[in-house]
């Protein structure tokens, strides 16, 4: 194992949190690497201030998301595909990507 200037082995460096990196940037990079649009949500009739529980809402490939302080991502998605009733549900980033891909395929 190599040591970097902070005397952290390269294999363990991945577990050190960089306080200058924001979670928003991690999500943005993740989306960008996959060719998915990620941007702040625009206020509208459903949510005039574009926030949920005081958290800024973003759009990840057409899906509205926000995250809490613990890094849990919530997506505004149907809780039942049959009824199409939507609610905020916790979601993993890779599952979110799959959902965006399915949405794009359904529109094509």
Protein backbone atom coordinates (compact mmCIF):
# COMPACT_ATOMS: atom_id res chain seq x y z
CA UNK A 1 0.00 0.00 0.00
CA UNK A 2 1.20 3.48 -0.86
CA UNK A 3 1.07 6.40 1.52
CA UNK A 4 -0.14 9.78 0.35
CA UNK A 5 0.88 13.15 1.81
CA UNK A 6 -1.59 12.71 4.68
CA UNK A 7 -0.11 9.31 5.59
CA UNK A 8 -3.29 7.51 4.59
CA UNK A 9 -2.90 4.28 2.72
CA UNK A 10 -4.44 4.36 -0.73
CA UNK A 11 -6.69 1.42 0.09
CA UNK A 12 -8.11 3.14 3.17
CA UNK A 13 -8.28 6.64 1.67
CA UNK A 14 -11.63 5.86 0.10
CA UNK A 15 -13.20 5.68 3.57
CA UNK A 16 -12.07 9.15 4.64
CA UNK A 17 -14.81 11.77 4.17
CA UNK A 18 -13.77 14.98 2.55
CA UNK A 19 -15.66 17.76 4.36
CA UNK A 20 -15.35 20.01 1.29
CA UNK A 21 -17.36 17.62 -0.90
CA UNK A 22 -21.11 18.18 -0.76
CA UNK A 23 -23.60 15.36 -1.21
CA UNK A 24 -25.23 17.37 -4.01
CA UNK A 25 -21.91 17.24 -5.91
CA UNK A 26 -21.66 13.48 -5.44
CA UNK A 27 -25.16 13.03 -6.89
CA UNK A 28 -24.40 15.50 -9.70
CA UNK A 29 -21.23 13.61 -10.66
CA UNK A 30 -23.05 10.28 -10.47
CA UNK A 31 -25.75 11.59 -12.82
CA UNK A 32 -23.25 13.23 -15.17
CA UNK A 33 -21.21 10.04 -15.50
CA UNK A 34 -24.38 8.30 -16.69
CA UNK A 35 -25.61 11.06 -18.99
CA UNK A 36 -28.54 11.92 -16.72
CA UNK A 37 -29.72 15.50 -16.24
CA UNK A 38 -29.54 16.68 -12.60
CA UNK A 39 -30.76 20.15 -11.69
CA UNK A 40 -32.72 22.07 -9.05
CA UNK A 41 -36.48 21.73 -9.36
CA UNK A 42 -38.42 24.77 -10.47
CA UNK A 43 -41.23 25.87 -8.18
CA UNK A 44 -44.66 25.02 -9.51
CA UNK A 45 -48.25 24.52 -8.49
CA UNK A 46 -47.58 21.21 -6.69
CA UNK A 47 -44.80 22.72 -4.62
CA UNK A 48 -44.60 26.52 -4.82
CA UNK A 49 -41.28 26.77 -2.96
CA UNK A 50 -39.60 23.65 -4.46
CA UNK A 51 -38.73 22.23 -1.04
CA UNK A 52 -39.77 19.22 1.01
CA UNK A 53 -39.41 19.29 4.78
CA UNK A 54 -37.14 22.31 4.30
CA UNK A 55 -34.87 20.43 1.85
CA UNK A 56 -34.28 21.66 -1.70
CA UNK A 57 -35.92 19.48 -4.37
CA UNK A 58 -33.86 18.47 -7.40
CA UNK A 59 -34.76 16.69 -10.62
CA UNK A 60 -32.73 13.58 -11.42
CA UNK A 61 -33.53 12.53 -14.99
CA UNK A 62 -37.17 13.55 -14.62
CA UNK A 63 -37.64 12.20 -11.08
CA UNK A 64 -37.98 14.71 -8.24
CA UNK A 65 -35.63 13.96 -5.34
CA UNK A 66 -34.34 15.41 -2.10
CA UNK A 67 -32.10 14.01 0.64
CA UNK A 68 -31.87 14.27 4.38
CA UNK A 69 -28.86 15.02 6.59
CA UNK A 70 -28.09 11.32 6.83
CA UNK A 71 -27.71 11.01 3.05
CA UNK A 72 -30.98 9.14 2.50
CA UNK A 73 -32.37 10.05 -0.92
CA UNK A 74 -36.14 10.34 -1.31
CA UNK A 75 -37.85 10.20 -4.71
CA UNK A 76 -41.38 11.28 -5.59
CA UNK A 77 -42.57 8.04 -7.16
CA UNK A 78 -45.70 5.95 -7.49
CA UNK A 79 -46.31 3.80 -4.43
CA UNK A 80 -48.50 1.54 -6.56
CA UNK A 81 -47.99 1.28 -10.32
CA UNK A 82 -51.67 0.41 -10.76
CA UNK A 83 -53.12 3.48 -9.02
CA UNK A 84 -50.25 5.86 -9.88
CA UNK A 85 -50.57 7.49 -6.43
CA UNK A 86 -47.27 9.22 -5.74
CA UNK A 87 -45.41 9.73 -2.49
CA UNK A 88 -41.88 10.44 -1.26
CA UNK A 89 -40.02 7.13 -0.85
CA UNK A 90 -36.39 6.34 0.03
CA UNK A 91 -34.42 5.14 -2.98
CA UNK A 92 -30.87 4.02 -3.79
CA UNK A 93 -29.01 5.87 -6.53
CA UNK A 94 -28.64 2.79 -8.72
CA UNK A 95 -32.39 2.07 -8.41
CA UNK A 96 -33.06 5.70 -9.31
CA UNK A 97 -30.94 5.31 -12.47
CA UNK A 98 -32.88 2.19 -13.43
CA UNK A 99 -36.16 4.08 -12.94
CA UNK A 100 -34.94 6.94 -15.16
CA UNK A 101 -33.89 4.47 -17.87
CA UNK A 102 -37.31 2.76 -17.72
CA UNK A 103 -39.06 6.14 -17.96
CA UNK A 104 -36.98 7.08 -21.01
CA UNK A 105 -37.70 3.71 -22.66
CA UNK A 106 -41.43 4.09 -22.06
CA UNK A 107 -41.41 7.51 -23.78
CA UNK A 108 -39.48 6.24 -26.81
